Amino acid sequence: MSEQIIKLTEVTTLTGLAKSTIYKLISEDLFPKQIKLTSFSSGWIKSEVDQWIDDRIALSREARAV
């Protein structure tokens, strides 16, 4: 199975987070790291971003159940 690579614009759209927040979370190891595509370009593996979103939803649901 081949993975889909998405650019920062799509990551911000999918997550609703600002670029600066995404990079802050990456530096804290709380968000999937980007992969280097070329010397000038990076992207994210969509399935990793989707999993991060799913994890946030699950955590939110657990917090409300307590």
Protein backbone atom coordinates (compact mmCIF):
# COMPACT_ATOMS: atom_id res chain seq x y z
CA MET A 1 0.00 0.00 0.00
CA SER A 2 1.41 3.38 -0.90
CA GLU A 3 1.11 6.29 1.50
CA GLN A 4 -0.28 9.67 0.53
CA ILE A 5 1.92 12.66 1.29
CA ILE A 6 0.23 15.96 2.08
CA LYS A 7 1.62 19.47 2.32
CA LEU A 8 1.36 21.90 5.23
CA THR A 9 -1.67 23.69 3.77
CA GLU A 10 -3.68 20.47 3.86
CA VAL A 11 -2.38 19.59 7.34
CA THR A 12 -3.62 22.95 8.66
CA THR A 13 -6.97 22.41 6.93
CA LEU A 14 -7.40 18.87 8.31
CA THR A 15 -6.40 19.74 11.87
CA GLY A 16 -7.68 23.30 12.18
CA LEU A 17 -4.32 24.22 13.70
CA ALA A 18 -2.10 27.14 12.79
CA LYS A 19 1.29 26.45 11.18
CA SER A 20 3.11 27.70 14.27
CA THR A 21 1.09 25.37 16.50
CA ILE A 22 1.89 22.39 14.29
CA TYR A 23 5.62 23.11 14.45
CA LYS A 24 5.44 23.67 18.22
CA LEU A 25 3.70 20.30 18.69
CA ILE A 26 6.32 18.63 16.47
CA SER A 27 9.11 20.08 18.61
CA GLU A 28 7.38 18.64 21.69
CA ASP A 29 6.95 15.22 19.98
CA LEU A 30 3.16 15.64 20.12
CA PHE A 31 2.49 15.70 16.36
CA PRO A 32 3.78 13.55 13.47
CA LYS A 33 7.05 14.81 12.04
CA GLN A 34 7.24 15.86 8.43
CA ILE A 35 9.34 13.97 5.91
CA LYS A 36 11.86 15.62 3.63
CA LEU A 37 10.83 15.38 -0.03
CA THR A 38 13.54 17.55 -1.59
CA SER A 39 16.04 20.04 -0.24
CA PHE A 40 13.27 22.68 -0.38
CA SER A 41 10.11 20.67 0.29
CA SER A 42 8.57 18.65 3.10
CA GLY A 43 5.30 16.81 3.57
CA TRP A 44 3.40 14.70 6.07
CA ILE A 45 2.16 11.14 5.74
CA LYS A 46 -1.62 11.53 5.65
CA SER A 47 -2.34 8.34 7.59
CA GLU A 48 -0.18 9.62 10.48
CA VAL A 49 -2.03 12.93 10.54
CA ASP A 50 -5.37 11.10 10.36
CA GLN A 51 -4.31 8.89 13.28
CA TRP A 52 -3.32 11.96 15.31
CA ILE A 53 -6.79 13.44 14.66
CA ASP A 54 -8.47 10.15 15.65
CA ASP A 55 -6.39 10.06 18.85
CA ARG A 56 -7.45 13.63 19.75
CA ILE A 57 -11.11 12.68 19.23
CA ALA A 58 -10.73 9.59 21.41
CA LEU A 59 -9.03 11.59 24.18
CA SER A 60 -11.79 14.18 24.03
CA ARG A 61 -14.48 11.51 24.33
CA GLU A 62 -12.70 9.84 27.25
CA ALA A 63 -12.37 13.14 29.11
CA ARG A 64 -16.11 13.79 28.82
CA ALA A 65 -16.97 10.28 30.03
CA VAL A 66 -15.12 10.78 33.32
